[in-house]
ModelCIF file with pLDDT and N, C-alpha, C, O atoms, coordinates in Angstrom:
data_MODEL
#
_entry.id   MODEL 
#
_entity.id                         1 
_entity.type                       polymer 
_entity.pdbx_number_of_molecules   1 
#
_entity_poly.entity_id                      1 
_entity_poly.type                           'polypeptide(L)' 
_entity_poly.nstd_linkage                   no 
_entity_poly.nstd_monomer                   no 
_entity_poly.pdbx_seq_one_letter_code       QSDLADLVNVRRETIGRLEQGLYCPSLRLAMDIAKVFDTTVEDLF 
_entity_poly.pdbx_seq_one_letter_code_can   QSDLADLVNVRRETIGRLEQGLYCPSLRLAMDIAKVFDTTVEDLF 
_entity_poly.pdbx_strand_id                 A 
#
loop_
_entity_poly_seq.entity_id 
_entity_poly_seq.num 
_entity_poly_seq.mon_id 
_entity_poly_seq.hetero 
1 1  GLN n 
1 2  SER n 
1 3  ASP n 
1 4  LEU n 
1 5  ALA n 
1 6  ASP n 
1 7  LEU n 
1 8  VAL n 
1 9  ASN n 
1 10 VAL n 
1 11 ARG n 
1 12 ARG n 
1 13 GLU n 
1 14 THR n 
1 15 ILE n 
1 16 GLY n 
1 17 ARG n 
1 18 LEU n 
1 19 GLU n 
1 20 GLN n 
1 21 GLY n 
1 22 LEU n 
1 23 TYR n 
1 24 CYS n 
1 25 PRO n 
1 26 SER n 
1 27 LEU n 
1 28 ARG n 
1 29 LEU n 
1 30 ALA n 
1 31 MET n 
1 32 ASP n 
1 33 ILE n 
1 34 ALA n 
1 35 LYS n 
1 36 VAL n 
1 37 PHE n 
1 38 ASP n 
1 39 THR n 
1 40 THR n 
1 41 VAL n 
1 42 GLU n 
1 43 ASP n 
1 44 LEU n 
1 45 PHE n 
#
_struct_asym.id          A 
_struct_asym.entity_id   1 
#
loop_
_ma_qa_metric.id 
_ma_qa_metric.mode 
_ma_qa_metric.name 
_ma_qa_metric.software_group_id 
_ma_qa_metric.type 
1 global pLDDT . pLDDT 
2 local  pLDDT . pLDDT 
#
_ma_qa_metric_global.metric_id      1 
_ma_qa_metric_global.metric_value   96.27 
_ma_qa_metric_global.model_id       1 
_ma_qa_metric_global.ordinal_id     1 
#
loop_
_ma_qa_metric_local.label_asym_id 
_ma_qa_metric_local.label_comp_id 
_ma_qa_metric_local.label_seq_id 
_ma_qa_metric_local.metric_id 
_ma_qa_metric_local.metric_value 
_ma_qa_metric_local.model_id 
_ma_qa_metric_local.ordinal_id 
A GLN 1  2 98.00 1 1  
A SER 2  2 98.00 1 2  
A ASP 3  2 98.00 1 3  
A LEU 4  2 98.00 1 4  
A ALA 5  2 98.00 1 5  
A ASP 6  2 98.00 1 6  
A LEU 7  2 98.00 1 7  
A VAL 8  2 98.00 1 8  
A ASN 9  2 98.00 1 9  
A VAL 10 2 98.00 1 10 
A ARG 11 2 98.00 1 11 
A ARG 12 2 98.00 1 12 
A GLU 13 2 98.00 1 13 
A THR 14 2 97.00 1 14 
A ILE 15 2 97.00 1 15 
A GLY 16 2 97.00 1 16 
A ARG 17 2 96.00 1 17 
A LEU 18 2 96.00 1 18 
A GLU 19 2 95.00 1 19 
A GLN 20 2 94.00 1 20 
A GLY 21 2 91.00 1 21 
A LEU 22 2 93.00 1 22 
A TYR 23 2 92.00 1 23 
A CYS 24 2 93.00 1 24 
A PRO 25 2 95.00 1 25 
A SER 26 2 95.00 1 26 
A LEU 27 2 95.00 1 27 
A ARG 28 2 97.00 1 28 
A LEU 29 2 97.00 1 29 
A ALA 30 2 97.00 1 30 
A MET 31 2 97.00 1 31 
A ASP 32 2 98.00 1 32 
A ILE 33 2 98.00 1 33 
A ALA 34 2 97.00 1 34 
A LYS 35 2 98.00 1 35 
A VAL 36 2 98.00 1 36 
A PHE 37 2 97.00 1 37 
A ASP 38 2 97.00 1 38 
A THR 39 2 96.00 1 39 
A THR 40 2 96.00 1 40 
A VAL 41 2 95.00 1 41 
A GLU 42 2 93.00 1 42 
A ASP 43 2 94.00 1 43 
A LEU 44 2 94.00 1 44 
A PHE 45 2 93.00 1 45 
#
loop_
_atom_site.group_PDB 
_atom_site.id 
_atom_site.type_symbol 
_atom_site.label_atom_id 
_atom_site.label_alt_id 
_atom_site.label_comp_id 
_atom_site.label_asym_id 
_atom_site.label_entity_id 
_atom_site.label_seq_id 
_atom_site.pdbx_PDB_ins_code 
_atom_site.Cartn_x 
_atom_site.Cartn_y 
_atom_site.Cartn_z 
_atom_site.occupancy 
_atom_site.B_iso_or_equiv 
_atom_site.pdbx_formal_charge 
_atom_site.auth_seq_id 
_atom_site.auth_comp_id 
_atom_site.auth_asym_id 
_atom_site.auth_atom_id 
_atom_site.pdbx_PDB_model_num 
ATOM 1   N N  . GLN A 1 1  ? -9.447  -13.713 16.528 1.00 98.00 ? 1  GLN A N  1 
ATOM 2   C CA . GLN A 1 1  ? -10.254 -13.982 15.504 1.00 98.00 ? 1  GLN A CA 1 
ATOM 3   C C  . GLN A 1 1  ? -11.554 -13.596 14.815 1.00 98.00 ? 1  GLN A C  1 
ATOM 4   O O  . GLN A 1 1  ? -11.797 -13.467 13.615 1.00 98.00 ? 1  GLN A O  1 
ATOM 5   N N  . SER A 1 2  ? -12.475 -13.418 16.097 1.00 98.00 ? 2  SER A N  1 
ATOM 6   C CA . SER A 1 2  ? -13.713 -13.790 15.945 1.00 98.00 ? 2  SER A CA 1 
ATOM 7   C C  . SER A 1 2  ? -14.320 -12.224 15.524 1.00 98.00 ? 2  SER A C  1 
ATOM 8   O O  . SER A 1 2  ? -15.395 -12.096 14.938 1.00 98.00 ? 2  SER A O  1 
ATOM 9   N N  . ASP A 1 3  ? -13.298 -10.860 15.992 1.00 98.00 ? 3  ASP A N  1 
ATOM 10  C CA . ASP A 1 3  ? -13.439 -10.073 16.056 1.00 98.00 ? 3  ASP A CA 1 
ATOM 11  C C  . ASP A 1 3  ? -13.685 -9.810  14.254 1.00 98.00 ? 3  ASP A C  1 
ATOM 12  O O  . ASP A 1 3  ? -14.801 -9.488  13.848 1.00 98.00 ? 3  ASP A O  1 
ATOM 13  N N  . LEU A 1 4  ? -12.564 -9.985  13.335 1.00 98.00 ? 4  LEU A N  1 
ATOM 14  C CA . LEU A 1 4  ? -12.019 -9.970  12.285 1.00 98.00 ? 4  LEU A CA 1 
ATOM 15  C C  . LEU A 1 4  ? -12.873 -10.375 11.375 1.00 98.00 ? 4  LEU A C  1 
ATOM 16  O O  . LEU A 1 4  ? -13.001 -9.772  10.309 1.00 98.00 ? 4  LEU A O  1 
ATOM 17  N N  . ALA A 1 5  ? -13.906 -11.978 11.839 1.00 98.00 ? 5  ALA A N  1 
ATOM 18  C CA . ALA A 1 5  ? -14.430 -12.578 11.201 1.00 98.00 ? 5  ALA A CA 1 
ATOM 19  C C  . ALA A 1 5  ? -15.395 -12.531 11.040 1.00 98.00 ? 5  ALA A C  1 
ATOM 20  O O  . ALA A 1 5  ? -15.884 -13.141 10.089 1.00 98.00 ? 5  ALA A O  1 
ATOM 21  N N  . ASP A 1 6  ? -16.541 -11.405 12.317 1.00 98.00 ? 6  ASP A N  1 
ATOM 22  C CA . ASP A 1 6  ? -17.535 -11.538 11.831 1.00 98.00 ? 6  ASP A CA 1 
ATOM 23  C C  . ASP A 1 6  ? -17.276 -9.647  11.410 1.00 98.00 ? 6  ASP A C  1 
ATOM 24  O O  . ASP A 1 6  ? -18.392 -9.131  11.453 1.00 98.00 ? 6  ASP A O  1 
ATOM 25  N N  . LEU A 1 7  ? -16.503 -8.886  11.151 1.00 98.00 ? 7  LEU A N  1 
ATOM 26  C CA . LEU A 1 7  ? -16.035 -7.948  10.161 1.00 98.00 ? 7  LEU A CA 1 
ATOM 27  C C  . LEU A 1 7  ? -16.174 -8.174  8.631  1.00 98.00 ? 7  LEU A C  1 
ATOM 28  O O  . LEU A 1 7  ? -16.615 -7.335  7.846  1.00 98.00 ? 7  LEU A O  1 
ATOM 29  N N  . VAL A 1 8  ? -15.707 -9.517  8.286  1.00 98.00 ? 8  VAL A N  1 
ATOM 30  C CA . VAL A 1 8  ? -15.602 -9.331  7.146  1.00 98.00 ? 8  VAL A CA 1 
ATOM 31  C C  . VAL A 1 8  ? -16.959 -10.756 6.855  1.00 98.00 ? 8  VAL A C  1 
ATOM 32  O O  . VAL A 1 8  ? -17.464 -10.552 5.751  1.00 98.00 ? 8  VAL A O  1 
ATOM 33  N N  . ASN A 1 9  ? -17.559 -11.961 7.511  1.00 98.00 ? 9  ASN A N  1 
ATOM 34  C CA . ASN A 1 9  ? -18.562 -11.999 7.708  1.00 98.00 ? 9  ASN A CA 1 
ATOM 35  C C  . ASN A 1 9  ? -18.031 -13.456 6.713  1.00 98.00 ? 9  ASN A C  1 
ATOM 36  O O  . ASN A 1 9  ? -18.113 -13.726 5.515  1.00 98.00 ? 9  ASN A O  1 
ATOM 37  N N  . VAL A 1 10 ? -17.567 -14.043 7.710  1.00 98.00 ? 10 VAL A N  1 
ATOM 38  C CA . VAL A 1 10 ? -16.631 -15.871 7.923  1.00 98.00 ? 10 VAL A CA 1 
ATOM 39  C C  . VAL A 1 10 ? -16.750 -15.676 9.138  1.00 98.00 ? 10 VAL A C  1 
ATOM 40  O O  . VAL A 1 10 ? -16.967 -14.746 9.915  1.00 98.00 ? 10 VAL A O  1 
ATOM 41  N N  . ARG A 1 11 ? -16.415 -17.598 9.153  1.00 98.00 ? 11 ARG A N  1 
ATOM 42  C CA . ARG A 1 11 ? -16.769 -18.301 10.913 1.00 98.00 ? 11 ARG A CA 1 
ATOM 43  C C  . ARG A 1 11 ? -15.305 -17.701 11.121 1.00 98.00 ? 11 ARG A C  1 
ATOM 44  O O  . ARG A 1 11 ? -14.662 -17.522 10.086 1.00 98.00 ? 11 ARG A O  1 
ATOM 45  N N  . ARG A 1 12 ? -14.622 -17.327 12.490 1.00 98.00 ? 12 ARG A N  1 
ATOM 46  C CA . ARG A 1 12 ? -13.538 -17.476 13.560 1.00 98.00 ? 12 ARG A CA 1 
ATOM 47  C C  . ARG A 1 12 ? -12.634 -18.646 12.654 1.00 98.00 ? 12 ARG A C  1 
ATOM 48  O O  . ARG A 1 12 ? -11.445 -18.600 12.341 1.00 98.00 ? 12 ARG A O  1 
ATOM 49  N N  . GLU A 1 13 ? -13.343 -19.376 12.451 1.00 98.00 ? 13 GLU A N  1 
ATOM 50  C CA . GLU A 1 13 ? -11.870 -21.525 12.553 1.00 98.00 ? 13 GLU A CA 1 
ATOM 51  C C  . GLU A 1 13 ? -11.585 -20.827 11.022 1.00 98.00 ? 13 GLU A C  1 
ATOM 52  O O  . GLU A 1 13 ? -10.377 -20.894 10.794 1.00 98.00 ? 13 GLU A O  1 
ATOM 53  N N  . THR A 1 14 ? -12.211 -20.279 10.079 1.00 97.00 ? 14 THR A N  1 
ATOM 54  C CA . THR A 1 14 ? -11.370 -19.818 9.177  1.00 97.00 ? 14 THR A CA 1 
ATOM 55  C C  . THR A 1 14 ? -10.103 -19.076 8.790  1.00 97.00 ? 14 THR A C  1 
ATOM 56  O O  . THR A 1 14 ? -9.122  -19.474 8.162  1.00 97.00 ? 14 THR A O  1 
ATOM 57  N N  . ILE A 1 15 ? -10.564 -17.083 9.697  1.00 97.00 ? 15 ILE A N  1 
ATOM 58  C CA . ILE A 1 15 ? -9.886  -16.753 9.793  1.00 97.00 ? 15 ILE A CA 1 
ATOM 59  C C  . ILE A 1 15 ? -8.313  -16.989 10.624 1.00 97.00 ? 15 ILE A C  1 
ATOM 60  O O  . ILE A 1 15 ? -7.367  -16.218 10.459 1.00 97.00 ? 15 ILE A O  1 
ATOM 61  N N  . GLY A 1 16 ? -8.257  -18.620 11.833 1.00 97.00 ? 16 GLY A N  1 
ATOM 62  C CA . GLY A 1 16 ? -7.454  -18.901 11.890 1.00 97.00 ? 16 GLY A CA 1 
ATOM 63  C C  . GLY A 1 16 ? -7.109  -19.970 11.388 1.00 97.00 ? 16 GLY A C  1 
ATOM 64  O O  . GLY A 1 16 ? -6.130  -20.482 11.931 1.00 97.00 ? 16 GLY A O  1 
ATOM 65  N N  . ARG A 1 17 ? -7.788  -20.811 10.078 1.00 96.00 ? 17 ARG A N  1 
ATOM 66  C CA . ARG A 1 17 ? -6.665  -21.717 9.126  1.00 96.00 ? 17 ARG A CA 1 
ATOM 67  C C  . ARG A 1 17 ? -6.307  -20.460 8.382  1.00 96.00 ? 17 ARG A C  1 
ATOM 68  O O  . ARG A 1 17 ? -5.207  -20.697 7.883  1.00 96.00 ? 17 ARG A O  1 
ATOM 69  N N  . LEU A 1 18 ? -6.718  -19.120 8.022  1.00 96.00 ? 18 LEU A N  1 
ATOM 70  C CA . LEU A 1 18 ? -6.270  -18.363 6.708  1.00 96.00 ? 18 LEU A CA 1 
ATOM 71  C C  . LEU A 1 18 ? -4.809  -17.919 7.776  1.00 96.00 ? 18 LEU A C  1 
ATOM 72  O O  . LEU A 1 18 ? -3.677  -17.966 7.292  1.00 96.00 ? 18 LEU A O  1 
ATOM 73  N N  . GLU A 1 19 ? -4.940  -17.687 8.589  1.00 95.00 ? 19 GLU A N  1 
ATOM 74  C CA . GLU A 1 19 ? -3.118  -17.487 9.860  1.00 95.00 ? 19 GLU A CA 1 
ATOM 75  C C  . GLU A 1 19 ? -2.832  -18.460 9.683  1.00 95.00 ? 19 GLU A C  1 
ATOM 76  O O  . GLU A 1 19 ? -2.042  -18.079 8.819  1.00 95.00 ? 19 GLU A O  1 
ATOM 77  N N  . GLN A 1 20 ? -2.633  -20.048 9.671  1.00 94.00 ? 20 GLN A N  1 
ATOM 78  C CA . GLN A 1 20 ? -1.921  -20.918 9.425  1.00 94.00 ? 20 GLN A CA 1 
ATOM 79  C C  . GLN A 1 20 ? -1.642  -21.636 8.429  1.00 94.00 ? 20 GLN A C  1 
ATOM 80  O O  . GLN A 1 20 ? -1.311  -22.820 8.486  1.00 94.00 ? 20 GLN A O  1 
ATOM 81  N N  . GLY A 1 21 ? -1.772  -20.882 7.312  1.00 91.00 ? 21 GLY A N  1 
ATOM 82  C CA . GLY A 1 21 ? -1.823  -20.901 5.944  1.00 91.00 ? 21 GLY A CA 1 
ATOM 83  C C  . GLY A 1 21 ? -2.414  -22.412 4.872  1.00 91.00 ? 21 GLY A C  1 
ATOM 84  O O  . GLY A 1 21 ? -1.899  -22.997 3.919  1.00 91.00 ? 21 GLY A O  1 
ATOM 85  N N  . LEU A 1 22 ? -3.951  -22.627 5.770  1.00 93.00 ? 22 LEU A N  1 
ATOM 86  C CA . LEU A 1 22 ? -4.158  -23.879 5.615  1.00 93.00 ? 22 LEU A CA 1 
ATOM 87  C C  . LEU A 1 22 ? -4.810  -23.751 4.445  1.00 93.00 ? 22 LEU A C  1 
ATOM 88  O O  . LEU A 1 22 ? -5.042  -24.768 3.791  1.00 93.00 ? 22 LEU A O  1 
ATOM 89  N N  . TYR A 1 23 ? -5.273  -22.307 3.916  1.00 92.00 ? 23 TYR A N  1 
ATOM 90  C CA . TYR A 1 23 ? -6.697  -22.017 3.047  1.00 92.00 ? 23 TYR A CA 1 
ATOM 91  C C  . TYR A 1 23 ? -6.512  -21.384 2.892  1.00 92.00 ? 23 TYR A C  1 
ATOM 92  O O  . TYR A 1 23 ? -5.915  -20.592 3.622  1.00 92.00 ? 23 TYR A O  1 
ATOM 93  N N  . CYS A 1 24 ? -7.042  -21.158 1.330  1.00 93.00 ? 24 CYS A N  1 
ATOM 94  C CA . CYS A 1 24 ? -6.247  -19.578 0.397  1.00 93.00 ? 24 CYS A CA 1 
ATOM 95  C C  . CYS A 1 24 ? -7.351  -19.377 0.295  1.00 93.00 ? 24 CYS A C  1 
ATOM 96  O O  . CYS A 1 24 ? -8.210  -20.215 0.025  1.00 93.00 ? 24 CYS A O  1 
ATOM 97  N N  . PRO A 1 25 ? -7.596  -17.565 0.612  1.00 95.00 ? 25 PRO A N  1 
ATOM 98  C CA . PRO A 1 25 ? -8.790  -17.112 0.372  1.00 95.00 ? 25 PRO A CA 1 
ATOM 99  C C  . PRO A 1 25 ? -9.725  -16.445 -0.871 1.00 95.00 ? 25 PRO A C  1 
ATOM 100 O O  . PRO A 1 25 ? -9.186  -16.660 -1.956 1.00 95.00 ? 25 PRO A O  1 
ATOM 101 N N  . SER A 1 26 ? -10.362 -16.066 -0.928 1.00 95.00 ? 26 SER A N  1 
ATOM 102 C CA . SER A 1 26 ? -10.898 -16.596 -2.132 1.00 95.00 ? 26 SER A CA 1 
ATOM 103 C C  . SER A 1 26 ? -10.195 -14.498 -2.474 1.00 95.00 ? 26 SER A C  1 
ATOM 104 O O  . SER A 1 26 ? -9.395  -13.956 -1.712 1.00 95.00 ? 26 SER A O  1 
ATOM 105 N N  . LEU A 1 27 ? -10.719 -13.894 -3.573 1.00 95.00 ? 27 LEU A N  1 
ATOM 106 C CA . LEU A 1 27 ? -10.013 -12.850 -3.916 1.00 95.00 ? 27 LEU A CA 1 
ATOM 107 C C  . LEU A 1 27 ? -10.673 -11.393 -3.446 1.00 95.00 ? 27 LEU A C  1 
ATOM 108 O O  . LEU A 1 27 ? -10.200 -10.258 -3.389 1.00 95.00 ? 27 LEU A O  1 
ATOM 109 N N  . ARG A 1 28 ? -12.266 -12.064 -3.071 1.00 97.00 ? 28 ARG A N  1 
ATOM 110 C CA . ARG A 1 28 ? -13.385 -10.459 -2.674 1.00 97.00 ? 28 ARG A CA 1 
ATOM 111 C C  . ARG A 1 28 ? -12.506 -10.836 -0.974 1.00 97.00 ? 28 ARG A C  1 
ATOM 112 O O  . ARG A 1 28 ? -11.761 -9.914  -0.643 1.00 97.00 ? 28 ARG A O  1 
ATOM 113 N N  . LEU A 1 29 ? -12.542 -11.863 -0.111 1.00 97.00 ? 29 LEU A N  1 
ATOM 114 C CA . LEU A 1 29 ? -12.282 -12.617 1.429  1.00 97.00 ? 29 LEU A CA 1 
ATOM 115 C C  . LEU A 1 29 ? -10.977 -11.538 1.107  1.00 97.00 ? 29 LEU A C  1 
ATOM 116 O O  . LEU A 1 29 ? -11.238 -10.655 1.925  1.00 97.00 ? 29 LEU A O  1 
ATOM 117 N N  . ALA A 1 30 ? -10.166 -11.246 0.647  1.00 97.00 ? 30 ALA A N  1 
ATOM 118 C CA . ALA A 1 30 ? -8.692  -11.039 0.643  1.00 97.00 ? 30 ALA A CA 1 
ATOM 119 C C  . ALA A 1 30 ? -8.604  -10.177 0.834  1.00 97.00 ? 30 ALA A C  1 
ATOM 120 O O  . ALA A 1 30 ? -7.992  -9.724  1.801  1.00 97.00 ? 30 ALA A O  1 
ATOM 121 N N  . MET A 1 31 ? -9.586  -9.124  -0.598 1.00 97.00 ? 31 MET A N  1 
ATOM 122 C CA . MET A 1 31 ? -9.595  -7.568  -0.233 1.00 97.00 ? 31 MET A CA 1 
ATOM 123 C C  . MET A 1 31 ? -10.439 -6.919  1.002  1.00 97.00 ? 31 MET A C  1 
ATOM 124 O O  . MET A 1 31 ? -10.307 -5.776  1.441  1.00 97.00 ? 31 MET A O  1 
ATOM 125 N N  . ASP A 1 32 ? -11.358 -7.949  1.465  1.00 98.00 ? 32 ASP A N  1 
ATOM 126 C CA . ASP A 1 32 ? -12.205 -7.496  2.571  1.00 98.00 ? 32 ASP A CA 1 
ATOM 127 C C  . ASP A 1 32 ? -11.544 -7.380  3.888  1.00 98.00 ? 32 ASP A C  1 
ATOM 128 O O  . ASP A 1 32 ? -11.943 -6.581  4.735  1.00 98.00 ? 32 ASP A O  1 
ATOM 129 N N  . ILE A 1 33 ? -10.498 -8.201  4.075  1.00 98.00 ? 33 ILE A N  1 
ATOM 130 C CA . ILE A 1 33 ? -9.478  -8.092  4.952  1.00 98.00 ? 33 ILE A CA 1 
ATOM 131 C C  . ILE A 1 33 ? -8.438  -7.090  4.673  1.00 98.00 ? 33 ILE A C  1 
ATOM 132 O O  . ILE A 1 33 ? -7.856  -6.213  5.312  1.00 98.00 ? 33 ILE A O  1 
ATOM 133 N N  . ALA A 1 34 ? -8.431  -7.399  3.875  1.00 97.00 ? 34 ALA A N  1 
ATOM 134 C CA . ALA A 1 34 ? -6.745  -5.520  3.662  1.00 97.00 ? 34 ALA A CA 1 
ATOM 135 C C  . ALA A 1 34 ? -7.611  -4.503  3.674  1.00 97.00 ? 34 ALA A C  1 
ATOM 136 O O  . ALA A 1 34 ? -6.960  -3.524  4.041  1.00 97.00 ? 34 ALA A O  1 
ATOM 137 N N  . LYS A 1 35 ? -8.564  -4.236  3.504  1.00 98.00 ? 35 LYS A N  1 
ATOM 138 C CA . LYS A 1 35 ? -9.424  -2.981  3.655  1.00 98.00 ? 35 LYS A CA 1 
ATOM 139 C C  . LYS A 1 35 ? -9.678  -2.691  5.061  1.00 98.00 ? 35 LYS A C  1 
ATOM 140 O O  . LYS A 1 35 ? -9.792  -1.532  5.459  1.00 98.00 ? 35 LYS A O  1 
ATOM 141 N N  . VAL A 1 36 ? -9.786  -3.886  5.964  1.00 98.00 ? 36 VAL A N  1 
ATOM 142 C CA . VAL A 1 36 ? -9.790  -3.831  7.571  1.00 98.00 ? 36 VAL A CA 1 
ATOM 143 C C  . VAL A 1 36 ? -8.660  -3.320  7.991  1.00 98.00 ? 36 VAL A C  1 
ATOM 144 O O  . VAL A 1 36 ? -8.727  -2.658  9.027  1.00 98.00 ? 36 VAL A O  1 
ATOM 145 N N  . PHE A 1 37 ? -7.575  -3.446  7.452  1.00 97.00 ? 37 PHE A N  1 
ATOM 146 C CA . PHE A 1 37 ? -5.660  -3.217  7.683  1.00 97.00 ? 37 PHE A CA 1 
ATOM 147 C C  . PHE A 1 37 ? -5.712  -2.652  7.286  1.00 97.00 ? 37 PHE A C  1 
ATOM 148 O O  . PHE A 1 37 ? -4.495  -2.530  7.423  1.00 97.00 ? 37 PHE A O  1 
ATOM 149 N N  . ASP A 1 38 ? -6.090  -1.451  6.394  1.00 97.00 ? 38 ASP A N  1 
ATOM 150 C CA . ASP A 1 38 ? -6.157  -0.650  5.543  1.00 97.00 ? 38 ASP A CA 1 
ATOM 151 C C  . ASP A 1 38 ? -4.312  -0.931  4.505  1.00 97.00 ? 38 ASP A C  1 
ATOM 152 O O  . ASP A 1 38 ? -3.456  -0.101  4.810  1.00 97.00 ? 38 ASP A O  1 
ATOM 153 N N  . THR A 1 39 ? -4.015  -1.691  3.754  1.00 96.00 ? 39 THR A N  1 
ATOM 154 C CA . THR A 1 39 ? -2.889  -2.199  3.637  1.00 96.00 ? 39 THR A CA 1 
ATOM 155 C C  . THR A 1 39 ? -3.835  -2.932  2.166  1.00 96.00 ? 39 THR A C  1 
ATOM 156 O O  . THR A 1 39 ? -4.982  -2.761  1.754  1.00 96.00 ? 39 THR A O  1 
ATOM 157 N N  . THR A 1 40 ? -2.470  -3.935  1.623  1.00 96.00 ? 40 THR A N  1 
ATOM 158 C CA . THR A 1 40 ? -2.912  -4.311  0.521  1.00 96.00 ? 40 THR A CA 1 
ATOM 159 C C  . THR A 1 40 ? -3.260  -6.167  0.209  1.00 96.00 ? 40 THR A C  1 
ATOM 160 O O  . THR A 1 40 ? -3.305  -6.808  1.259  1.00 96.00 ? 40 THR A O  1 
ATOM 161 N N  . VAL A 1 41 ? -3.348  -6.488  -0.291 1.00 95.00 ? 41 VAL A N  1 
ATOM 162 C CA . VAL A 1 41 ? -3.315  -8.264  -0.713 1.00 95.00 ? 41 VAL A CA 1 
ATOM 163 C C  . VAL A 1 41 ? -2.289  -8.290  -0.535 1.00 95.00 ? 41 VAL A C  1 
ATOM 164 O O  . VAL A 1 41 ? -2.104  -8.767  0.585  1.00 95.00 ? 41 VAL A O  1 
ATOM 165 N N  . GLU A 1 42 ? -1.665  -8.115  -0.866 1.00 93.00 ? 42 GLU A N  1 
ATOM 166 C CA . GLU A 1 42 ? 0.341   -8.392  -1.330 1.00 93.00 ? 42 GLU A CA 1 
ATOM 167 C C  . GLU A 1 42 ? 0.717   -8.366  0.236  1.00 93.00 ? 42 GLU A C  1 
ATOM 168 O O  . GLU A 1 42 ? 1.060   -9.501  0.568  1.00 93.00 ? 42 GLU A O  1 
ATOM 169 N N  . ASP A 1 43 ? 0.761   -7.601  1.144  1.00 94.00 ? 43 ASP A N  1 
ATOM 170 C CA . ASP A 1 43 ? 1.070   -7.530  2.476  1.00 94.00 ? 43 ASP A CA 1 
ATOM 171 C C  . ASP A 1 43 ? 0.845   -8.462  3.322  1.00 94.00 ? 43 ASP A C  1 
ATOM 172 O O  . ASP A 1 43 ? 1.576   -8.767  4.264  1.00 94.00 ? 43 ASP A O  1 
ATOM 173 N N  . LEU A 1 44 ? -0.909  -9.302  2.808  1.00 94.00 ? 44 LEU A N  1 
ATOM 174 C CA . LEU A 1 44 ? -1.170  -9.821  3.446  1.00 94.00 ? 44 LEU A CA 1 
ATOM 175 C C  . LEU A 1 44 ? -0.613  -10.902 3.601  1.00 94.00 ? 44 LEU A C  1 
ATOM 176 O O  . LEU A 1 44 ? 0.019   -11.425 4.520  1.00 94.00 ? 44 LEU A O  1 
ATOM 177 N N  . PHE A 1 45 ? -1.093  -11.361 1.999  1.00 93.00 ? 45 PHE A N  1 
ATOM 178 C CA . PHE A 1 45 ? -0.591  -13.292 1.920  1.00 93.00 ? 45 PHE A CA 1 
ATOM 179 C C  . PHE A 1 45 ? 0.340   -12.732 0.221  1.00 93.00 ? 45 PHE A C  1 
ATOM 180 O O  . PHE A 1 45 ? 0.955   -13.562 -0.449 1.00 93.00 ? 45 PHE A O  1 
#
């Protein structure tokens, strides 16, 4: 989680909350994460 957090400039806790479905990302954050995994926002969320 910390690796991904560093890549998209958020805290590790934010990644944890995203994975649990407890936090809805901004469009910018969702796009940044999708870019890391070379996929679409729709595929992730």
